[in-house]
Amino acid sequence: MVKEQAQAHGKGAGASPARRAGDHGRHGRLSRERVLTSALELVDREGLSALSMRKLGAELGVEAMALYRYADGKDALLDGLVEALYLELEEQLTAEPGPSTEEPAWRSELHRIARATYDVCLTHPQAVPLLTTRMLAVPLAQRPLAVLKDHERVLALLREAGLDETRIPAIFRAFTAWLLGYVSTELRPMVDNADEPDPSFRLGLHRMPPQELPTLRETAPALADRGGPEGLAAGLDALLDRFAEME
């Protein structure tokens, strides 16, 4: 699936052999899976701004027009990247059953989903912004099936737990907001100059006026450290405990 690594990438349209108008690329016949895999690899390597139908076609050894049978434009390709991330999440959840814990099964499974999502996002940090921007642009029913299956998985857990039907949507929204918000915060760039050994200059604290931003300057070094899976789990526990108190 999306974890499969393509081999022998070209160095660009100028360095690649003559591209084909059909859908037989340099590695054989195209498929939606191959197109999305290559698109995700391109974004992992060069960032979202580098993704275009033309550049992806060069990666695969075909004309850009050959890709339109698998994605009918740039927006569809971006939605395909979201699909690829959620397919990878689904694979990870299927391959790694949850450990036995003393927690209720539904709560333990929410933790497992959150951790797997965190791992997938940190594997593909350049694509993570799409998890919010595309969801803001795409109505529920038009989202990729892999995304909808993730929604279904979480909602079914909450229903199977016997939670009040009026609270299930609130918990679902809170869980989603915490998970995506935490990952986005983890991946925000903090380093101003990676070559600077002095922590203050590395973070660019000299650019922040001390009279106006004293607390931020003091806290920035700690903010630059990731909270990691432990912070994700602690926040999720606090969230679920809060809803438990409402019973």
C-alpha atoms as a PDB file:
ATOM      1  CA  MET A   1       0.000   0.000   0.000  1.00  0.00           C
ATOM      2  CA  VAL A   2       1.156   3.566   0.659  1.00  0.00           C
ATOM      3  CA  LYS A   3       4.106   2.346   2.730  1.00  0.00           C
ATOM      4  CA  GLU A   4       5.646   0.640  -0.322  1.00  0.00           C
ATOM      5  CA  GLN A   5       8.700   2.559  -1.441  1.00  0.00           C
ATOM      6  CA  ALA A   6       9.091   3.172  -5.169  1.00  0.00           C
ATOM      7  CA  GLN A   7      12.585   2.640  -6.496  1.00  0.00           C
ATOM      8  CA  ALA A   8      14.850   4.493  -8.946  1.00  0.00           C
ATOM      9  CA  HIS A   9      13.058   7.861  -8.928  1.00  0.00           C
ATOM     10  CA  GLY A  10      13.940  10.206 -11.766  1.00  0.00           C
ATOM     11  CA  LYS A  11      15.560  13.549 -11.001  1.00  0.00           C
ATOM     12  CA  GLY A  12      12.925  15.602 -12.840  1.00  0.00           C
ATOM     13  CA  ALA A  13      11.335  16.042 -16.208  1.00  0.00           C
ATOM     14  CA  GLY A  14      14.569  17.167 -17.795  1.00  0.00           C
ATOM     15  CA  ALA A  15      16.513  14.102 -16.666  1.00  0.00           C
ATOM     16  CA  SER A  16      13.837  11.476 -17.264  1.00  0.00           C
ATOM     17  CA  PRO A  17      13.404   9.394 -20.398  1.00  0.00           C
ATOM     18  CA  ALA A  18      10.706  10.391 -22.860  1.00  0.00           C
ATOM     19  CA  ARG A  19       7.387  10.390 -21.052  1.00  0.00           C
ATOM     20  CA  ARG A  20       4.452   8.443 -22.383  1.00  0.00           C
ATOM     21  CA  ALA A  21       0.977   9.731 -23.098  1.00  0.00           C
ATOM     22  CA  GLY A  22      -0.484   6.420 -21.925  1.00  0.00           C
ATOM     23  CA  ASP A  23      -0.504   5.064 -18.397  1.00  0.00           C
ATOM     24  CA  HIS A  24       2.511   2.762 -18.682  1.00  0.00           C
ATOM     25  CA  GLY A  25       5.216   4.464 -16.642  1.00  0.00           C
ATOM     26  CA  ARG A  26       8.841   3.535 -16.189  1.00  0.00           C
ATOM     27  CA  HIS A  27       7.840   0.978 -13.546  1.00  0.00           C
ATOM     28  CA  GLY A  28       4.956  -0.586 -15.466  1.00  0.00           C
ATOM     29  CA  ARG A  29       1.266   0.126 -15.732  1.00  0.00           C
ATOM     30  CA  LEU A  30      -0.067   2.793 -13.407  1.00  0.00           C
ATOM     31  CA  SER A  31      -2.675   2.214 -10.728  1.00  0.00           C
ATOM     32  CA  ARG A  32      -4.335   4.546  -8.250  1.00  0.00           C
ATOM     33  CA  GLU A  33      -2.239   3.004  -5.482  1.00  0.00           C
ATOM     34  CA  ARG A  34       0.991   3.647  -7.373  1.00  0.00           C
ATOM     35  CA  VAL A  35      -0.011   7.217  -8.199  1.00  0.00           C
ATOM     36  CA  LEU A  36      -0.874   8.031  -4.568  1.00  0.00           C
ATOM     37  CA  THR A  37       2.238   6.294  -3.266  1.00  0.00           C
ATOM     38  CA  SER A  38       4.453   8.329  -5.573  1.00  0.00           C
ATOM     39  CA  ALA A  39       2.581  11.541  -4.727  1.00  0.00           C
ATOM     40  CA  LEU A  40       3.083  10.940  -1.008  1.00  0.00           C
ATOM     41  CA  GLU A  41       6.768  10.172  -1.523  1.00  0.00           C
ATOM     42  CA  LEU A  42       7.171  13.387  -3.505  1.00  0.00           C
ATOM     43  CA  VAL A  43       5.503  15.418  -0.760  1.00  0.00           C
ATOM     44  CA  ASP A  44       7.562  13.656   1.935  1.00  0.00           C
ATOM     45  CA  ARG A  45      10.718  14.576   0.061  1.00  0.00           C
ATOM     46  CA  GLU A  46       9.978  18.072  -1.239  1.00  0.00           C
ATOM     47  CA  GLY A  47       6.860  19.374   0.512  1.00  0.00           C
ATOM     48  CA  LEU A  48       3.309  20.101  -0.600  1.00  0.00           C
ATOM     49  CA  SER A  49       4.309  23.102  -2.691  1.00  0.00           C
ATOM     50  CA  ALA A  50       6.315  20.807  -4.980  1.00  0.00           C
ATOM     51  CA  LEU A  51       3.328  18.634  -5.879  1.00  0.00           C
ATOM     52  CA  SER A  52       1.838  19.131  -9.335  1.00  0.00           C
ATOM     53  CA  MET A  53       0.382  16.837 -11.955  1.00  0.00           C
ATOM     54  CA  ARG A  54       3.309  17.641 -14.238  1.00  0.00           C
ATOM     55  CA  LYS A  55       5.967  16.852 -11.633  1.00  0.00           C
ATOM     56  CA  LEU A  56       4.201  13.696 -10.486  1.00  0.00           C
ATOM     57  CA  GLY A  57       3.945  12.568 -14.090  1.00  0.00           C
ATOM     58  CA  ALA A  58       7.704  13.071 -14.438  1.00  0.00           C
ATOM     59  CA  GLU A  59       8.250  10.966 -11.307  1.00  0.00           C
ATOM     60  CA  LEU A  60       6.218   8.138 -12.819  1.00  0.00           C
ATOM     61  CA  GLY A  61       7.530   8.496 -16.370  1.00  0.00           C
ATOM     62  CA  VAL A  62       4.221   9.490 -17.979  1.00  0.00           C
ATOM     63  CA  GLU A  63       2.600  12.639 -19.320  1.00  0.00           C
ATOM     64  CA  ALA A  64       0.626  14.591 -16.739  1.00  0.00           C
ATOM     65  CA  MET A  65      -2.573  13.915 -18.681  1.00  0.00           C
ATOM     66  CA  ALA A  66      -2.210  10.193 -17.976  1.00  0.00           C
ATOM     67  CA  LEU A  67      -2.798  10.902 -14.268  1.00  0.00           C
ATOM     68  CA  TYR A  68      -6.259  12.362 -14.763  1.00  0.00           C
ATOM     69  CA  ARG A  69      -7.875   8.936 -14.889  1.00  0.00           C
ATOM     70  CA  TYR A  70      -6.680   8.433 -11.294  1.00  0.00           C
ATOM     71  CA  ALA A  71      -7.191  11.996  -9.989  1.00  0.00           C
ATOM     72  CA  ASP A  72      -9.186  14.539 -11.984  1.00  0.00           C
ATOM     73  CA  GLY A  73      -7.168  17.529 -10.810  1.00  0.00           C
ATOM     74  CA  LYS A  74      -4.951  18.954  -8.094  1.00  0.00           C
ATOM     75  CA  ASP A  75      -7.702  18.983  -5.450  1.00  0.00           C
ATOM     76  CA  ALA A  76      -8.508  15.335  -6.141  1.00  0.00           C
ATOM     77  CA  LEU A  77      -4.817  14.530  -5.831  1.00  0.00           C
ATOM     78  CA  LEU A  78      -4.681  16.290  -2.452  1.00  0.00           C
ATOM     79  CA  ASP A  79      -7.734  14.329  -1.314  1.00  0.00           C
ATOM     80  CA  GLY A  80      -5.912  11.223  -2.496  1.00  0.00           C
ATOM     81  CA  LEU A  81      -3.015  12.058  -0.193  1.00  0.00           C
ATOM     82  CA  VAL A  82      -5.444  12.273   2.729  1.00  0.00           C
ATOM     83  CA  GLU A  83      -6.808   8.909   1.647  1.00  0.00           C
ATOM     84  CA  ALA A  84      -3.271   7.496   1.551  1.00  0.00           C
ATOM     85  CA  LEU A  85      -2.589   8.638   5.119  1.00  0.00           C
ATOM     86  CA  TYR A  86      -5.780   7.066   6.418  1.00  0.00           C
ATOM     87  CA  LEU A  87      -5.125   3.850   4.499  1.00  0.00           C
ATOM     88  CA  GLU A  88      -1.744   3.671   6.193  1.00  0.00           C
ATOM     89  CA  LEU A  89      -3.443   4.269   9.532  1.00  0.00           C
ATOM     90  CA  GLU A  90      -5.912   1.469   8.834  1.00  0.00           C
ATOM     91  CA  GLU A  91      -3.082  -0.896   7.898  1.00  0.00           C
ATOM     92  CA  GLN A  92      -1.243  -0.085  11.110  1.00  0.00           C
ATOM     93  CA  LEU A  93      -4.316  -0.623  13.270  1.00  0.00           C
ATOM     94  CA  THR A  94      -5.051  -3.932  11.544  1.00  0.00           C
ATOM     95  CA  ALA A  95      -1.472  -5.177  11.802  1.00  0.00           C
ATOM     96  CA  GLU A  96      -0.964  -4.270  15.464  1.00  0.00           C
ATOM     97  CA  PRO A  97      -3.798  -5.389  17.768  1.00  0.00           C
ATOM     98  CA  GLY A  98      -4.062  -3.465  21.000  1.00  0.00           C
ATOM     99  CA  PRO A  99      -2.479  -4.722  24.226  1.00  0.00           C
ATOM    100  CA  SER A 100      -4.585  -5.945  27.114  1.00  0.00           C
ATOM    101  CA  THR A 101      -5.088  -3.237  29.717  1.00  0.00           C
ATOM    102  CA  GLU A 102      -7.190  -2.629  32.793  1.00  0.00           C
ATOM    103  CA  GLU A 103      -8.943   0.245  31.029  1.00  0.00           C
ATOM    104  CA  PRO A 104     -12.329  -0.269  29.388  1.00  0.00           C
ATOM    105  CA  ALA A 105     -11.804  -1.676  25.901  1.00  0.00           C
ATOM    106  CA  TRP A 106     -13.298   1.354  24.143  1.00  0.00           C
ATOM    107  CA  ARG A 107     -11.027   3.752  25.985  1.00  0.00           C
ATOM    108  CA  SER A 108      -7.939   1.638  25.342  1.00  0.00           C
ATOM    109  CA  GLU A 109      -8.841   1.468  21.655  1.00  0.00           C
ATOM    110  CA  LEU A 110      -9.205   5.253  21.435  1.00  0.00           C
ATOM    111  CA  HIS A 111      -5.685   5.519  22.812  1.00  0.00           C
ATOM    112  CA  ARG A 112      -4.475   3.023  20.208  1.00  0.00           C
ATOM    113  CA  ILE A 113      -6.130   4.958  17.380  1.00  0.00           C
ATOM    114  CA  ALA A 114      -4.635   8.209  18.649  1.00  0.00           C
ATOM    115  CA  ARG A 115      -1.133   6.750  18.907  1.00  0.00           C
ATOM    116  CA  ALA A 116      -1.314   5.146  15.451  1.00  0.00           C
ATOM    117  CA  THR A 117      -2.505   8.441  13.961  1.00  0.00           C
ATOM    118  CA  TYR A 118       0.357  10.243  15.699  1.00  0.00           C
ATOM    119  CA  ASP A 119       2.876   7.758  14.272  1.00  0.00           C
ATOM    120  CA  VAL A 120       1.530   8.066  10.726  1.00  0.00           C
ATOM    121  CA  CYS A 121       1.577  11.858  10.932  1.00  0.00           C
ATOM    122  CA  LEU A 122       5.156  11.981  12.160  1.00  0.00           C
ATOM    123  CA  THR A 123       6.140   9.665   9.317  1.00  0.00           C
ATOM    124  CA  HIS A 124       4.603  12.064   6.778  1.00  0.00           C
ATOM    125  CA  PRO A 125       4.822  15.520   8.414  1.00  0.00           C
ATOM    126  CA  GLN A 126       4.738  17.425   5.128  1.00  0.00           C
ATOM    127  CA  ALA A 127       1.286  16.015   4.320  1.00  0.00           C
ATOM    128  CA  VAL A 128      -0.258  16.609   7.757  1.00  0.00           C
ATOM    129  CA  PRO A 129      -1.704  20.084   6.953  1.00  0.00           C
ATOM    130  CA  LEU A 130      -4.055  18.357   4.505  1.00  0.00           C
ATOM    131  CA  LEU A 131      -5.798  16.591   7.396  1.00  0.00           C
ATOM    132  CA  THR A 132      -7.309  19.936   8.346  1.00  0.00           C
ATOM    133  CA  THR A 133      -7.292  22.012   5.161  1.00  0.00           C
ATOM    134  CA  ARG A 134      -8.963  19.359   2.996  1.00  0.00           C
ATOM    135  CA  MET A 135     -11.489  18.529   5.714  1.00  0.00           C
ATOM    136  CA  LEU A 136     -12.416  22.218   5.766  1.00  0.00           C
ATOM    137  CA  ALA A 137     -13.001  22.119   2.017  1.00  0.00           C
ATOM    138  CA  VAL A 138     -14.660  18.725   1.511  1.00  0.00           C
ATOM    139  CA  PRO A 139     -18.180  17.902   2.792  1.00  0.00           C
ATOM    140  CA  LEU A 140     -18.552  14.792   4.926  1.00  0.00           C
ATOM    141  CA  ALA A 141     -20.113  12.542   2.272  1.00  0.00           C
ATOM    142  CA  GLN A 142     -17.437  13.441  -0.299  1.00  0.00           C
ATOM    143  CA  ARG A 143     -14.461  12.528   1.879  1.00  0.00           C
ATOM    144  CA  PRO A 144     -12.440   9.432   0.932  1.00  0.00           C
ATOM    145  CA  LEU A 145     -13.859   6.142   2.181  1.00  0.00           C
ATOM    146  CA  ALA A 146     -10.774   5.546   4.325  1.00  0.00           C
ATOM    147  CA  VAL A 147     -11.501   8.798   6.199  1.00  0.00           C
ATOM    148  CA  LEU A 148     -15.159   7.889   6.691  1.00  0.00           C
ATOM    149  CA  LYS A 149     -14.179   4.451   7.985  1.00  0.00           C
ATOM    150  CA  ASP A 150     -11.993   6.136  10.597  1.00  0.00           C
ATOM    151  CA  HIS A 151     -14.960   8.279  11.678  1.00  0.00           C
ATOM    152  CA  GLU A 152     -17.098   5.143  11.803  1.00  0.00           C
ATOM    153  CA  ARG A 153     -14.509   3.299  13.896  1.00  0.00           C
ATOM    154  CA  VAL A 154     -14.432   5.990  16.584  1.00  0.00           C
ATOM    155  CA  LEU A 155     -18.191   6.548  16.666  1.00  0.00           C
ATOM    156  CA  ALA A 156     -18.881   2.795  16.873  1.00  0.00           C
ATOM    157  CA  LEU A 157     -16.501   2.512  19.840  1.00  0.00           C
ATOM    158  CA  LEU A 158     -18.345   5.257  21.683  1.00  0.00           C
ATOM    159  CA  ARG A 159     -21.720   3.682  20.953  1.00  0.00           C
ATOM    160  CA  GLU A 160     -20.536   0.202  21.983  1.00  0.00           C
ATOM    161  CA  ALA A 161     -19.322   1.720  25.250  1.00  0.00           C
ATOM    162  CA  GLY A 162     -22.939   2.536  26.083  1.00  0.00           C
ATOM    163  CA  LEU A 163     -22.342   6.264  26.194  1.00  0.00           C
ATOM    164  CA  ASP A 164     -25.329   8.558  26.037  1.00  0.00           C
ATOM    165  CA  GLU A 165     -26.299   9.243  22.426  1.00  0.00           C
ATOM    166  CA  THR A 166     -26.389  12.969  23.067  1.00  0.00           C
ATOM    167  CA  ARG A 167     -22.769  12.943  24.265  1.00  0.00           C
ATOM    168  CA  ILE A 168     -21.274  10.769  21.521  1.00  0.00           C
ATOM    169  CA  PRO A 169     -20.987  13.645  18.983  1.00  0.00           C
ATOM    170  CA  ALA A 170     -19.388  15.884  21.623  1.00  0.00           C
ATOM    171  CA  ILE A 171     -16.804  13.251  22.553  1.00  0.00           C
ATOM    172  CA  PHE A 172     -16.117  12.514  18.889  1.00  0.00           C
ATOM    173  CA  ARG A 173     -15.498  16.197  18.167  1.00  0.00           C
ATOM    174  CA  ALA A 174     -13.317  16.597  21.248  1.00  0.00           C
ATOM    175  CA  PHE A 175     -11.277  13.490  20.421  1.00  0.00           C
ATOM    176  CA  THR A 176     -10.735  14.611  16.822  1.00  0.00           C
ATOM    177  CA  ALA A 177      -9.882  18.176  17.813  1.00  0.00           C
ATOM    178  CA  TRP A 178      -7.389  17.080  20.470  1.00  0.00           C
ATOM    179  CA  LEU A 179      -5.700  14.529  18.217  1.00  0.00           C
ATOM    180  CA  LEU A 180      -5.274  16.732  15.151  1.00  0.00           C
ATOM    181  CA  GLY A 181      -4.515  19.811  17.230  1.00  0.00           C
ATOM    182  CA  TYR A 182      -1.831  17.989  19.213  1.00  0.00           C
ATOM    183  CA  VAL A 183      -0.166  16.611  16.097  1.00  0.00           C
ATOM    184  CA  SER A 184      -0.236  20.031  14.416  1.00  0.00           C
ATOM    185  CA  THR A 185       1.366  21.609  17.482  1.00  0.00           C
ATOM    186  CA  GLU A 186       4.044  18.897  17.596  1.00  0.00           C
ATOM    187  CA  LEU A 187       5.002  19.582  13.986  1.00  0.00           C
ATOM    188  CA  ARG A 188       5.097  23.371  14.044  1.00  0.00           C
ATOM    189  CA  PRO A 189       8.570  24.630  13.110  1.00  0.00           C
ATOM    190  CA  MET A 190      10.381  26.136  16.088  1.00  0.00           C
ATOM    191  CA  VAL A 191      14.021  26.338  15.011  1.00  0.00           C
ATOM    192  CA  ASP A 192      15.032  29.649  13.439  1.00  0.00           C
ATOM    193  CA  ASN A 193      18.620  28.683  12.568  1.00  0.00           C
ATOM    194  CA  ALA A 194      19.480  24.991  12.629  1.00  0.00           C
ATOM    195  CA  ASP A 195      23.216  25.708  12.305  1.00  0.00           C
ATOM    196  CA  GLU A 196      23.312  27.873  15.432  1.00  0.00           C
ATOM    197  CA  PRO A 197      24.621  25.979  18.507  1.00  0.00           C
ATOM    198  CA  ASP A 198      23.455  28.563  21.048  1.00  0.00           C
ATOM    199  CA  PRO A 199      19.868  27.613  22.058  1.00  0.00           C
ATOM    200  CA  SER A 200      18.668  31.207  22.196  1.00  0.00           C
ATOM    201  CA  PHE A 201      19.936  32.068  18.722  1.00  0.00           C
ATOM    202  CA  ARG A 202      18.895  28.651  17.425  1.00  0.00           C
ATOM    203  CA  LEU A 203      15.300  29.508  18.357  1.00  0.00           C
ATOM    204  CA  GLY A 204      15.661  33.125  17.226  1.00  0.00           C
ATOM    205  CA  LEU A 205      14.788  34.576  20.636  1.00  0.00           C
ATOM    206  CA  HIS A 206      16.769  37.698  19.736  1.00  0.00           C
ATOM    207  CA  ARG A 207      14.022  38.477  17.233  1.00  0.00           C
ATOM    208  CA  MET A 208      11.386  38.662  19.985  1.00  0.00           C
ATOM    209  CA  PRO A 209      11.081  41.981  21.885  1.00  0.00           C
ATOM    210  CA  PRO A 210      11.736  41.099  25.561  1.00  0.00           C
ATOM    211  CA  GLN A 211       9.458  43.817  26.941  1.00  0.00           C
ATOM    212  CA  GLU A 212       6.473  42.619  24.929  1.00  0.00           C
ATOM    213  CA  LEU A 213       7.066  38.843  24.976  1.00  0.00           C
ATOM    214  CA  PRO A 214       8.841  37.977  28.244  1.00  0.00           C
ATOM    215  CA  THR A 215       6.823  34.822  28.980  1.00  0.00           C
ATOM    216  CA  LEU A 216       7.067  33.488  25.448  1.00  0.00           C
ATOM    217  CA  ARG A 217      10.832  34.016  25.377  1.00  0.00           C
ATOM    218  CA  GLU A 218      11.189  32.201  28.685  1.00  0.00           C
ATOM    219  CA  THR A 219       8.966  29.306  27.665  1.00  0.00           C
ATOM    220  CA  ALA A 220      10.127  28.895  24.048  1.00  0.00           C
ATOM    221  CA  PRO A 221      12.908  26.355  24.795  1.00  0.00           C
ATOM    222  CA  ALA A 222      10.410  24.073  26.513  1.00  0.00           C
ATOM    223  CA  LEU A 223       7.868  24.592  23.721  1.00  0.00           C
ATOM    224  CA  ALA A 224      10.514  23.521  21.209  1.00  0.00           C
ATOM    225  CA  ASP A 225      10.615  20.054  22.783  1.00  0.00           C
ATOM    226  CA  ARG A 226       7.927  17.707  21.535  1.00  0.00           C
ATOM    227  CA  GLY A 227       5.427  16.377  24.017  1.00  0.00           C
ATOM    228  CA  GLY A 228       5.612  12.983  22.349  1.00  0.00           C
ATOM    229  CA  PRO A 229       3.160  10.096  22.685  1.00  0.00           C
ATOM    230  CA  GLU A 230       3.118  10.607  26.449  1.00  0.00           C
ATOM    231  CA  GLY A 231       1.712  14.108  26.104  1.00  0.00           C
ATOM    232  CA  LEU A 232      -0.842  12.869  23.602  1.00  0.00           C
ATOM    233  CA  ALA A 233      -2.016  10.130  25.977  1.00  0.00           C
ATOM    234  CA  ALA A 234      -2.097  12.426  29.011  1.00  0.00           C
ATOM    235  CA  GLY A 235      -4.257  14.968  27.216  1.00  0.00           C
ATOM    236  CA  LEU A 236      -6.591  12.294  25.914  1.00  0.00           C
ATOM    237  CA  ASP A 237      -6.987  10.866  29.412  1.00  0.00           C
ATOM    238  CA  ALA A 238      -7.802  14.317  30.777  1.00  0.00           C
ATOM    239  CA  LEU A 239     -10.384  14.802  28.041  1.00  0.00           C
ATOM    240  CA  LEU A 240     -12.044  11.413  28.603  1.00  0.00           C
ATOM    241  CA  ASP A 241     -11.970  11.883  32.395  1.00  0.00           C
ATOM    242  CA  ARG A 242     -13.802  15.170  31.963  1.00  0.00           C
ATOM    243  CA  PHE A 243     -16.576  13.503  29.990  1.00  0.00           C
ATOM    244  CA  ALA A 244     -16.698  10.668  32.526  1.00  0.00           C
ATOM    245  CA  GLU A 245     -17.385  13.242  35.276  1.00  0.00           C
ATOM    246  CA  MET A 246     -20.456  14.381  33.354  1.00  0.00           C
ATOM    247  CA  GLU A 247     -22.200  11.026  33.782  1.00  0.00           C
END
